[in-house]
Amino acid sequence: MRDFRAYLLDLDGVIYRGERLLPGARALVDWLDASGRQTLYLSNNSVQTPAEVAAKLARLGMPRPEERTLTAGDAAVRAIAERFPGGRVYVLGLPAIERLAADAGLRVVWHDAADGPTPDVVLVALDRSLTYERLKRGLRALLNGAAFYAVNRDPRLPVEDGFEPGTGSIATALEYASGLRAEIVGKPAPGIVREAMRSLGVSADETLLVGDGLDLDIVAGHAAGVTTALVLTGLTSAEQARAASGDRAPDLIFPDLNALLAAAQAAAAH
């Protein structure tokens, strides 16, 4: 491992699982801060606003999260608002994403109505209140010409006691039913990684992306041209990591953030 100026840290499965802080998370960020390196929490989160994510990080003891949290949900809403200013959006997601959409000047439609005008956009996020009726309304909007966005393609979400279906499972259902392909804003698309580097003022060769998913974090990192590190505290087993190839193969593999911290300190010392 070489020395890096900026660290982009995924959250679920890297910094925490559910309400449990993972080994080495606080120690790594404390060292990065003390040594003058930059940190940004880069999450595919489609459940909470950036402020809500930052509040959780603060509650778990992570330093200064409000200054350095970027979520795919916020990035997705910004992309839609730029393309459809003041547009109508049907959200398959939790209230946090609807609030972000409203704050961006979009009109959230079809909350509970049985029918209504076709929205400009269907936006898929993590929807724990998903019903067949809501899925049907999303499908019909797409078939009537609505644009199709998804916050991310996460197949599942790591939680304290296992996994839950992720945003990607909902987006894939609508893709299969409609024959359309969602425009993905979060990982594995590289846009959110590039936005993170832009906000930090760093280049790809100065940046390390740390994640737990081969098909999400590692693919996004390679697409953005950064070095990738995989930790084995989330989605991916050691066997899966070693077997990965091509864009799915991480540049570095660590059992947890404690091991990554030791390697980073050793690289900085040389």
C-alpha atoms as a PDB file:
ATOM      1  CA  MET A   1       0.000   0.000   0.000  1.00  0.00           C
ATOM      2  CA  ARG A   2       1.223   3.511  -0.800  1.00  0.00           C
ATOM      3  CA  ASP A   3       0.464   6.809   0.904  1.00  0.00           C
ATOM      4  CA  PHE A   4      -2.782   8.587  -0.056  1.00  0.00           C
ATOM      5  CA  ARG A   5      -3.921  12.146   0.492  1.00  0.00           C
ATOM      6  CA  ALA A   6      -7.688  11.431   0.572  1.00  0.00           C
ATOM      7  CA  TYR A   7      -9.796   8.532   1.841  1.00  0.00           C
ATOM      8  CA  LEU A   8     -13.355   7.959   0.613  1.00  0.00           C
ATOM      9  CA  LEU A   9     -15.031   5.717   3.174  1.00  0.00           C
ATOM     10  CA  ASP A  10     -18.195   3.754   2.485  1.00  0.00           C
ATOM     11  CA  LEU A  11     -20.479   3.471   5.530  1.00  0.00           C
ATOM     12  CA  ASP A  12     -22.679   0.342   5.681  1.00  0.00           C
ATOM     13  CA  GLY A  13     -20.346  -2.601   6.191  1.00  0.00           C
ATOM     14  CA  VAL A  14     -17.238  -0.399   6.501  1.00  0.00           C
ATOM     15  CA  ILE A  15     -17.799   2.153   9.271  1.00  0.00           C
ATOM     16  CA  TYR A  16     -20.831   0.493  10.852  1.00  0.00           C
ATOM     17  CA  ARG A  17     -23.380  -2.293  10.626  1.00  0.00           C
ATOM     18  CA  GLY A  18     -26.766  -1.146  11.828  1.00  0.00           C
ATOM     19  CA  GLU A  19     -26.073   0.660  15.103  1.00  0.00           C
ATOM     20  CA  ARG A  20     -22.705  -1.013  15.708  1.00  0.00           C
ATOM     21  CA  LEU A  21     -19.462   0.791  14.940  1.00  0.00           C
ATOM     22  CA  LEU A  22     -17.031  -1.573  13.234  1.00  0.00           C
ATOM     23  CA  PRO A  23     -13.469  -2.267  14.436  1.00  0.00           C
ATOM     24  CA  GLY A  24     -10.943   0.424  13.595  1.00  0.00           C
ATOM     25  CA  ALA A  25     -13.420   3.015  12.282  1.00  0.00           C
ATOM     26  CA  ARG A  26     -12.784   5.737  14.858  1.00  0.00           C
ATOM     27  CA  ALA A  27      -9.052   4.985  15.078  1.00  0.00           C
ATOM     28  CA  LEU A  28      -8.604   5.283  11.309  1.00  0.00           C
ATOM     29  CA  VAL A  29     -10.422   8.615  11.017  1.00  0.00           C
ATOM     30  CA  ASP A  30      -8.633  10.011  14.081  1.00  0.00           C
ATOM     31  CA  TRP A  31      -5.287   9.145  12.474  1.00  0.00           C
ATOM     32  CA  LEU A  32      -6.311  10.600   9.115  1.00  0.00           C
ATOM     33  CA  ASP A  33      -7.325  13.845  10.806  1.00  0.00           C
ATOM     34  CA  ALA A  34      -4.205  14.033  12.954  1.00  0.00           C
ATOM     35  CA  SER A  35      -1.918  13.381   9.978  1.00  0.00           C
ATOM     36  CA  GLY A  36      -3.508  16.022   7.743  1.00  0.00           C
ATOM     37  CA  ARG A  37      -5.219  13.679   5.310  1.00  0.00           C
ATOM     38  CA  GLN A  38      -8.738  14.257   3.998  1.00  0.00           C
ATOM     39  CA  THR A  39     -11.757  12.059   4.720  1.00  0.00           C
ATOM     40  CA  LEU A  40     -15.179  11.900   3.129  1.00  0.00           C
ATOM     41  CA  TYR A  41     -17.981   9.514   4.088  1.00  0.00           C
ATOM     42  CA  LEU A  42     -19.333   8.298   0.767  1.00  0.00           C
ATOM     43  CA  SER A  43     -22.587   6.409   1.099  1.00  0.00           C
ATOM     44  CA  ASN A  44     -25.017   4.785  -1.294  1.00  0.00           C
ATOM     45  CA  ASN A  45     -27.648   5.542   1.350  1.00  0.00           C
ATOM     46  CA  SER A  46     -31.162   6.033  -0.002  1.00  0.00           C
ATOM     47  CA  VAL A  47     -32.896   6.003   3.378  1.00  0.00           C
ATOM     48  CA  GLN A  48     -31.671   9.194   5.050  1.00  0.00           C
ATOM     49  CA  THR A  49     -30.685  12.746   4.220  1.00  0.00           C
ATOM     50  CA  PRO A  50     -26.994  13.702   4.520  1.00  0.00           C
ATOM     51  CA  ALA A  51     -27.831  15.481   7.797  1.00  0.00           C
ATOM     52  CA  GLU A  52     -29.480  12.333   9.173  1.00  0.00           C
ATOM     53  CA  VAL A  53     -26.494  10.193   8.145  1.00  0.00           C
ATOM     54  CA  ALA A  54     -24.154  12.680   9.790  1.00  0.00           C
ATOM     55  CA  ALA A  55     -26.254  12.603  12.969  1.00  0.00           C
ATOM     56  CA  LYS A  56     -25.940   8.812  13.110  1.00  0.00           C
ATOM     57  CA  LEU A  57     -22.176   8.989  12.630  1.00  0.00           C
ATOM     58  CA  ALA A  58     -21.937  11.567  15.409  1.00  0.00           C
ATOM     59  CA  ARG A  59     -24.066   9.378  17.690  1.00  0.00           C
ATOM     60  CA  LEU A  60     -21.713   6.460  17.039  1.00  0.00           C
ATOM     61  CA  GLY A  61     -18.731   8.633  17.951  1.00  0.00           C
ATOM     62  CA  MET A  62     -17.281   9.535  14.557  1.00  0.00           C
ATOM     63  CA  PRO A  63     -15.659  12.994  14.422  1.00  0.00           C
ATOM     64  CA  ARG A  64     -17.037  15.936  12.391  1.00  0.00           C
ATOM     65  CA  PRO A  65     -19.391  13.936  10.132  1.00  0.00           C
ATOM     66  CA  GLU A  66     -21.553  16.938   9.247  1.00  0.00           C
ATOM     67  CA  GLU A  67     -18.632  18.452   7.318  1.00  0.00           C
ATOM     68  CA  ARG A  68     -17.908  15.402   5.166  1.00  0.00           C
ATOM     69  CA  THR A  69     -20.909  13.262   4.300  1.00  0.00           C
ATOM     70  CA  LEU A  70     -22.047  12.672   0.712  1.00  0.00           C
ATOM     71  CA  THR A  71     -24.989  10.369  -0.030  1.00  0.00           C
ATOM     72  CA  ALA A  72     -26.210   8.931  -3.307  1.00  0.00           C
ATOM     73  CA  GLY A  73     -29.770   9.965  -2.446  1.00  0.00           C
ATOM     74  CA  ASP A  74     -28.809  13.626  -2.364  1.00  0.00           C
ATOM     75  CA  ALA A  75     -26.773  13.253  -5.569  1.00  0.00           C
ATOM     76  CA  ALA A  76     -29.722  11.572  -7.327  1.00  0.00           C
ATOM     77  CA  VAL A  77     -32.148  14.328  -6.385  1.00  0.00           C
ATOM     78  CA  ARG A  78     -29.694  16.990  -7.551  1.00  0.00           C
ATOM     79  CA  ALA A  79     -29.276  15.222 -10.906  1.00  0.00           C
ATOM     80  CA  ILE A  80     -33.057  15.036 -11.401  1.00  0.00           C
ATOM     81  CA  ALA A  81     -33.613  18.660 -10.387  1.00  0.00           C
ATOM     82  CA  GLU A  82     -30.970  19.765 -12.897  1.00  0.00           C
ATOM     83  CA  ARG A  83     -32.601  17.817 -15.719  1.00  0.00           C
ATOM     84  CA  PHE A  84     -36.246  18.445 -14.723  1.00  0.00           C
ATOM     85  CA  PRO A  85     -36.341  21.720 -12.745  1.00  0.00           C
ATOM     86  CA  GLY A  86     -39.644  21.895 -10.871  1.00  0.00           C
ATOM     87  CA  GLY A  87     -40.598  18.500 -12.312  1.00  0.00           C
ATOM     88  CA  ARG A  88     -42.999  15.894 -10.949  1.00  0.00           C
ATOM     89  CA  VAL A  89     -41.315  12.891  -9.330  1.00  0.00           C
ATOM     90  CA  TYR A  90     -42.801   9.654  -8.021  1.00  0.00           C
ATOM     91  CA  VAL A  91     -40.577   8.305  -5.261  1.00  0.00           C
ATOM     92  CA  LEU A  92     -40.402   4.648  -4.336  1.00  0.00           C
ATOM     93  CA  GLY A  93     -38.532   5.349  -1.148  1.00  0.00           C
ATOM     94  CA  LEU A  94     -38.709   6.553   2.415  1.00  0.00           C
ATOM     95  CA  PRO A  95     -39.758  10.084   3.474  1.00  0.00           C
ATOM     96  CA  ALA A  96     -36.152  11.321   3.652  1.00  0.00           C
ATOM     97  CA  ILE A  97     -35.799  11.083  -0.132  1.00  0.00           C
ATOM     98  CA  GLU A  98     -39.141  12.813  -0.650  1.00  0.00           C
ATOM     99  CA  ARG A  99     -37.931  15.654   1.611  1.00  0.00           C
ATOM    100  CA  LEU A 100     -34.713  15.958  -0.396  1.00  0.00           C
ATOM    101  CA  ALA A 101     -36.749  16.086  -3.618  1.00  0.00           C
ATOM    102  CA  ALA A 102     -39.049  18.783  -2.244  1.00  0.00           C
ATOM    103  CA  ASP A 103     -36.082  20.793  -0.960  1.00  0.00           C
ATOM    104  CA  ALA A 104     -34.600  20.657  -4.473  1.00  0.00           C
ATOM    105  CA  GLY A 105     -37.764  22.235  -5.923  1.00  0.00           C
ATOM    106  CA  LEU A 106     -39.282  19.016  -7.290  1.00  0.00           C
ATOM    107  CA  ARG A 107     -42.972  18.156  -6.879  1.00  0.00           C
ATOM    108  CA  VAL A 108     -43.483  14.788  -5.202  1.00  0.00           C
ATOM    109  CA  VAL A 109     -46.634  13.155  -6.610  1.00  0.00           C
ATOM    110  CA  TRP A 110     -48.795  10.072  -6.045  1.00  0.00           C
ATOM    111  CA  HIS A 111     -48.210   9.755  -2.324  1.00  0.00           C
ATOM    112  CA  ASP A 112     -51.443   7.831  -1.772  1.00  0.00           C
ATOM    113  CA  ALA A 113     -53.583   8.775  -4.749  1.00  0.00           C
ATOM    114  CA  ALA A 114     -55.068   5.993  -6.844  1.00  0.00           C
ATOM    115  CA  ASP A 115     -54.309   7.919 -10.010  1.00  0.00           C
ATOM    116  CA  GLY A 116     -52.905  11.232 -11.187  1.00  0.00           C
ATOM    117  CA  PRO A 117     -50.836  12.838 -13.930  1.00  0.00           C
ATOM    118  CA  THR A 118     -47.888  10.865 -15.223  1.00  0.00           C
ATOM    119  CA  PRO A 119     -44.785  12.113 -13.376  1.00  0.00           C
ATOM    120  CA  ASP A 120     -41.683  13.270 -15.186  1.00  0.00           C
ATOM    121  CA  VAL A 121     -39.512  10.856 -13.207  1.00  0.00           C
ATOM    122  CA  VAL A 122     -39.769   7.650 -11.207  1.00  0.00           C
ATOM    123  CA  LEU A 123     -37.046   7.626  -8.551  1.00  0.00           C
ATOM    124  CA  VAL A 124     -36.293   4.320  -6.817  1.00  0.00           C
ATOM    125  CA  ALA A 125     -34.656   4.349  -3.402  1.00  0.00           C
ATOM    126  CA  LEU A 126     -34.831   1.956  -0.450  1.00  0.00           C
ATOM    127  CA  ASP A 127     -38.571   1.569   0.186  1.00  0.00           C
ATOM    128  CA  ARG A 128     -39.423  -0.346   3.352  1.00  0.00           C
ATOM    129  CA  SER A 129     -43.117   0.499   2.837  1.00  0.00           C
ATOM    130  CA  LEU A 130     -43.150  -1.022  -0.658  1.00  0.00           C
ATOM    131  CA  THR A 131     -46.447  -2.567  -1.722  1.00  0.00           C
ATOM    132  CA  TYR A 132     -47.607  -4.177  -4.927  1.00  0.00           C
ATOM    133  CA  GLU A 133     -49.832  -1.151  -5.551  1.00  0.00           C
ATOM    134  CA  ARG A 134     -46.918   1.272  -5.285  1.00  0.00           C
ATOM    135  CA  LEU A 135     -44.804  -0.913  -7.549  1.00  0.00           C
ATOM    136  CA  LYS A 136     -47.663  -1.014 -10.068  1.00  0.00           C
ATOM    137  CA  ARG A 137     -47.931   2.784 -10.109  1.00  0.00           C
ATOM    138  CA  GLY A 138     -44.213   3.070 -10.730  1.00  0.00           C
ATOM    139  CA  LEU A 139     -44.407   0.607 -13.613  1.00  0.00           C
ATOM    140  CA  ARG A 140     -47.317   2.403 -15.243  1.00  0.00           C
ATOM    141  CA  ALA A 141     -45.540   5.732 -14.994  1.00  0.00           C
ATOM    142  CA  LEU A 142     -42.491   4.259 -16.726  1.00  0.00           C
ATOM    143  CA  LEU A 143     -44.615   2.711 -19.463  1.00  0.00           C
ATOM    144  CA  ASN A 144     -46.245   6.124 -19.963  1.00  0.00           C
ATOM    145  CA  GLY A 145     -42.886   7.785 -20.553  1.00  0.00           C
ATOM    146  CA  ALA A 146     -41.503   8.813 -17.163  1.00  0.00           C
ATOM    147  CA  ALA A 147     -37.714   8.911 -16.846  1.00  0.00           C
ATOM    148  CA  PHE A 148     -36.262   6.132 -14.679  1.00  0.00           C
ATOM    149  CA  TYR A 149     -33.697   6.869 -11.960  1.00  0.00           C
ATOM    150  CA  ALA A 150     -32.406   4.741  -9.101  1.00  0.00           C
ATOM    151  CA  VAL A 151     -30.268   5.955  -6.225  1.00  0.00           C
ATOM    152  CA  ASN A 152     -28.089   2.853  -6.366  1.00  0.00           C
ATOM    153  CA  ARG A 153     -28.028  -0.798  -7.387  1.00  0.00           C
ATOM    154  CA  ASP A 154     -27.312  -2.273  -3.937  1.00  0.00           C
ATOM    155  CA  PRO A 155     -28.694  -5.845  -4.023  1.00  0.00           C
ATOM    156  CA  ARG A 156     -28.820  -6.077  -0.228  1.00  0.00           C
ATOM    157  CA  LEU A 157     -28.095  -3.992   2.834  1.00  0.00           C
ATOM    158  CA  PRO A 158     -25.892  -5.246   5.688  1.00  0.00           C
ATOM    159  CA  VAL A 159     -27.551  -4.816   9.099  1.00  0.00           C
ATOM    160  CA  GLU A 160     -26.638  -5.964  12.592  1.00  0.00           C
ATOM    161  CA  ASP A 161     -28.280  -9.387  12.329  1.00  0.00           C
ATOM    162  CA  GLY A 162     -27.742 -10.150   8.627  1.00  0.00           C
ATOM    163  CA  PHE A 163     -29.009  -8.563   5.416  1.00  0.00           C
ATOM    164  CA  GLU A 164     -32.097  -6.818   4.028  1.00  0.00           C
ATOM    165  CA  PRO A 165     -33.140  -6.351   0.363  1.00  0.00           C
ATOM    166  CA  GLY A 166     -31.506  -3.239  -1.072  1.00  0.00           C
ATOM    167  CA  THR A 167     -32.563  -0.523  -3.498  1.00  0.00           C
ATOM    168  CA  GLY A 168     -31.263  -2.555  -6.425  1.00  0.00           C
ATOM    169  CA  SER A 169     -33.763  -5.330  -5.773  1.00  0.00           C
ATOM    170  CA  ILE A 170     -36.631  -2.857  -6.283  1.00  0.00           C
ATOM    171  CA  ALA A 171     -35.034  -1.189  -9.315  1.00  0.00           C
ATOM    172  CA  THR A 172     -34.416  -4.590 -10.918  1.00  0.00           C
ATOM    173  CA  ALA A 173     -38.055  -5.578 -10.479  1.00  0.00           C
ATOM    174  CA  LEU A 174     -39.167  -2.462 -12.363  1.00  0.00           C
ATOM    175  CA  GLU A 175     -36.475  -2.932 -15.002  1.00  0.00           C
ATOM    176  CA  TYR A 176     -37.667  -6.484 -15.633  1.00  0.00           C
ATOM    177  CA  ALA A 177     -41.333  -5.459 -15.770  1.00  0.00           C
ATOM    178  CA  SER A 178     -40.834  -2.388 -17.955  1.00  0.00           C
ATOM    179  CA  GLY A 179     -37.970  -3.499 -20.191  1.00  0.00           C
ATOM    180  CA  LEU A 180     -36.228  -0.226 -19.331  1.00  0.00           C
ATOM    181  CA  ARG A 181     -32.889   0.382 -17.653  1.00  0.00           C
ATOM    182  CA  ALA A 182     -32.626   2.702 -14.670  1.00  0.00           C
ATOM    183  CA  GLU A 183     -30.091   5.519 -14.674  1.00  0.00           C
ATOM    184  CA  ILE A 184     -27.979   4.828 -11.591  1.00  0.00           C
ATOM    185  CA  VAL A 185     -26.557   7.767  -9.662  1.00  0.00           C
ATOM    186  CA  GLY A 186     -24.748   6.023  -6.810  1.00  0.00           C
ATOM    187  CA  LYS A 187     -22.171   3.266  -6.941  1.00  0.00           C
ATOM    188  CA  PRO A 188     -21.327   1.335  -9.137  1.00  0.00           C
ATOM    189  CA  ALA A 189     -21.640   4.415 -11.359  1.00  0.00           C
ATOM    190  CA  PRO A 190     -18.501   6.579 -10.962  1.00  0.00           C
ATOM    191  CA  GLY A 191     -20.257   9.939 -10.737  1.00  0.00           C
ATOM    192  CA  ILE A 192     -20.535  10.059  -6.962  1.00  0.00           C
ATOM    193  CA  VAL A 193     -16.830   9.160  -6.593  1.00  0.00           C
ATOM    194  CA  ARG A 194     -15.844  11.934  -8.997  1.00  0.00           C
ATOM    195  CA  GLU A 195     -18.073  14.394  -7.141  1.00  0.00           C
ATOM    196  CA  ALA A 196     -16.352  13.407  -3.888  1.00  0.00           C
ATOM    197  CA  MET A 197     -12.892  14.056  -5.375  1.00  0.00           C
ATOM    198  CA  ARG A 198     -14.057  17.373  -6.784  1.00  0.00           C
ATOM    199  CA  SER A 199     -15.354  18.496  -3.404  1.00  0.00           C
ATOM    200  CA  LEU A 200     -12.059  17.562  -1.738  1.00  0.00           C
ATOM    201  CA  GLY A 201      -9.900  19.048  -4.474  1.00  0.00           C
ATOM    202  CA  VAL A 202      -7.903  15.865  -5.041  1.00  0.00           C
ATOM    203  CA  SER A 203      -6.942  13.796  -8.075  1.00  0.00           C
ATOM    204  CA  ALA A 204      -7.610  10.111  -8.643  1.00  0.00           C
ATOM    205  CA  ASP A 205      -4.017   9.097  -7.957  1.00  0.00           C
ATOM    206  CA  GLU A 206      -4.197  10.776  -4.532  1.00  0.00           C
ATOM    207  CA  THR A 207      -7.386   8.944  -3.528  1.00  0.00           C
ATOM    208  CA  LEU A 208      -8.196   5.622  -1.870  1.00  0.00           C
ATOM    209  CA  LEU A 209     -11.787   4.340  -1.952  1.00  0.00           C
ATOM    210  CA  VAL A 210     -12.594   1.938   0.895  1.00  0.00           C
ATOM    211  CA  GLY A 211     -15.664  -0.275   0.523  1.00  0.00           C
ATOM    212  CA  ASP A 212     -17.136  -3.678   1.287  1.00  0.00           C
ATOM    213  CA  GLY A 213     -18.823  -4.564  -2.027  1.00  0.00           C
ATOM    214  CA  LEU A 214     -17.146  -5.847  -5.192  1.00  0.00           C
ATOM    215  CA  ASP A 215     -19.971  -4.964  -7.574  1.00  0.00           C
ATOM    216  CA  LEU A 216     -20.612  -1.550  -6.036  1.00  0.00           C
ATOM    217  CA  ASP A 217     -17.625   0.063  -4.342  1.00  0.00           C
ATOM    218  CA  ILE A 218     -14.810  -1.620  -6.253  1.00  0.00           C
ATOM    219  CA  VAL A 219     -16.405  -1.260  -9.687  1.00  0.00           C
ATOM    220  CA  ALA A 220     -17.205   2.416  -9.003  1.00  0.00           C
ATOM    221  CA  GLY A 221     -13.683   3.084  -7.798  1.00  0.00           C
ATOM    222  CA  HIS A 222     -12.057   1.544 -10.846  1.00  0.00           C
ATOM    223  CA  ALA A 223     -14.451   3.424 -13.145  1.00  0.00           C
ATOM    224  CA  ALA A 224     -13.406   6.684 -11.471  1.00  0.00           C
ATOM    225  CA  GLY A 225      -9.711   5.779 -11.727  1.00  0.00           C
ATOM    226  CA  VAL A 226      -8.946   5.601  -7.982  1.00  0.00           C
ATOM    227  CA  THR A 227      -7.180   2.899  -5.965  1.00  0.00           C
ATOM    228  CA  THR A 228      -9.634   0.582  -4.230  1.00  0.00           C
ATOM    229  CA  ALA A 229      -9.473  -1.208  -0.883  1.00  0.00           C
ATOM    230  CA  LEU A 230     -11.940  -3.872   0.237  1.00  0.00           C
ATOM    231  CA  VAL A 231     -12.654  -4.642   3.890  1.00  0.00           C
ATOM    232  CA  LEU A 232     -14.223  -7.974   4.827  1.00  0.00           C
ATOM    233  CA  THR A 233     -16.681  -6.587   7.389  1.00  0.00           C
ATOM    234  CA  GLY A 234     -19.699  -6.258   5.113  1.00  0.00           C
ATOM    235  CA  LEU A 235     -20.970  -7.768   1.884  1.00  0.00           C
ATOM    236  CA  THR A 236     -17.935  -9.734   0.697  1.00  0.00           C
ATOM    237  CA  SER A 237     -16.218 -12.837   2.037  1.00  0.00           C
ATOM    238  CA  ALA A 238     -12.472 -13.483   1.774  1.00  0.00           C
ATOM    239  CA  GLU A 239     -13.108 -16.229  -0.787  1.00  0.00           C
ATOM    240  CA  GLN A 240     -15.217 -13.931  -2.971  1.00  0.00           C
ATOM    241  CA  ALA A 241     -12.604 -11.178  -2.745  1.00  0.00           C
ATOM    242  CA  ARG A 242      -9.758 -13.468  -3.799  1.00  0.00           C
ATOM    243  CA  ALA A 243     -11.794 -14.889  -6.694  1.00  0.00           C
ATOM    244  CA  ALA A 244     -12.791 -11.475  -8.101  1.00  0.00           C
ATOM    245  CA  SER A 245     -11.338 -10.428 -11.447  1.00  0.00           C
ATOM    246  CA  GLY A 246     -11.393  -7.474 -13.835  1.00  0.00           C
ATOM    247  CA  ASP A 247     -13.130  -4.335 -12.578  1.00  0.00           C
ATOM    248  CA  ARG A 248     -14.455  -6.289  -9.580  1.00  0.00           C
ATOM    249  CA  ALA A 249     -10.972  -7.095  -8.263  1.00  0.00           C
ATOM    250  CA  PRO A 250      -9.903  -4.794  -5.405  1.00  0.00           C
ATOM    251  CA  ASP A 251      -6.395  -3.379  -5.430  1.00  0.00           C
ATOM    252  CA  LEU A 252      -6.080  -4.054  -1.694  1.00  0.00           C
ATOM    253  CA  ILE A 253      -7.899  -6.409   0.701  1.00  0.00           C
ATOM    254  CA  PHE A 254      -8.024  -6.032   4.496  1.00  0.00           C
ATOM    255  CA  PRO A 255      -9.930  -7.983   7.157  1.00  0.00           C
ATOM    256  CA  ASP A 256     -11.051  -4.704   8.777  1.00  0.00           C
ATOM    257  CA  LEU A 257     -10.166  -1.048   9.210  1.00  0.00           C
ATOM    258  CA  ASN A 258      -7.644  -1.798  11.942  1.00  0.00           C
ATOM    259  CA  ALA A 259      -5.563  -3.701   9.391  1.00  0.00           C
ATOM    260  CA  LEU A 260      -5.985  -0.939   6.825  1.00  0.00           C
ATOM    261  CA  LEU A 261      -4.865   1.637   9.407  1.00  0.00           C
ATOM    262  CA  ALA A 262      -1.694  -0.339  10.155  1.00  0.00           C
ATOM    263  CA  ALA A 263      -0.874  -0.492   6.437  1.00  0.00           C
ATOM    264  CA  ALA A 264      -1.581   3.230   5.990  1.00  0.00           C
ATOM    265  CA  GLN A 265       0.683   4.147   8.912  1.00  0.00           C
ATOM    266  CA  ALA A 266       3.456   1.970   7.517  1.00  0.00           C
ATOM    267  CA  ALA A 267       3.117   3.602   4.080  1.00  0.00           C
ATOM    268  CA  ALA A 268       3.211   7.086   5.606  1.00  0.00           C
ATOM    269  CA  ALA A 269       6.375   6.244   7.536  1.00  0.00           C
ATOM    270  CA  HIS A 270       8.354   5.506   4.360  1.00  0.00           C
END
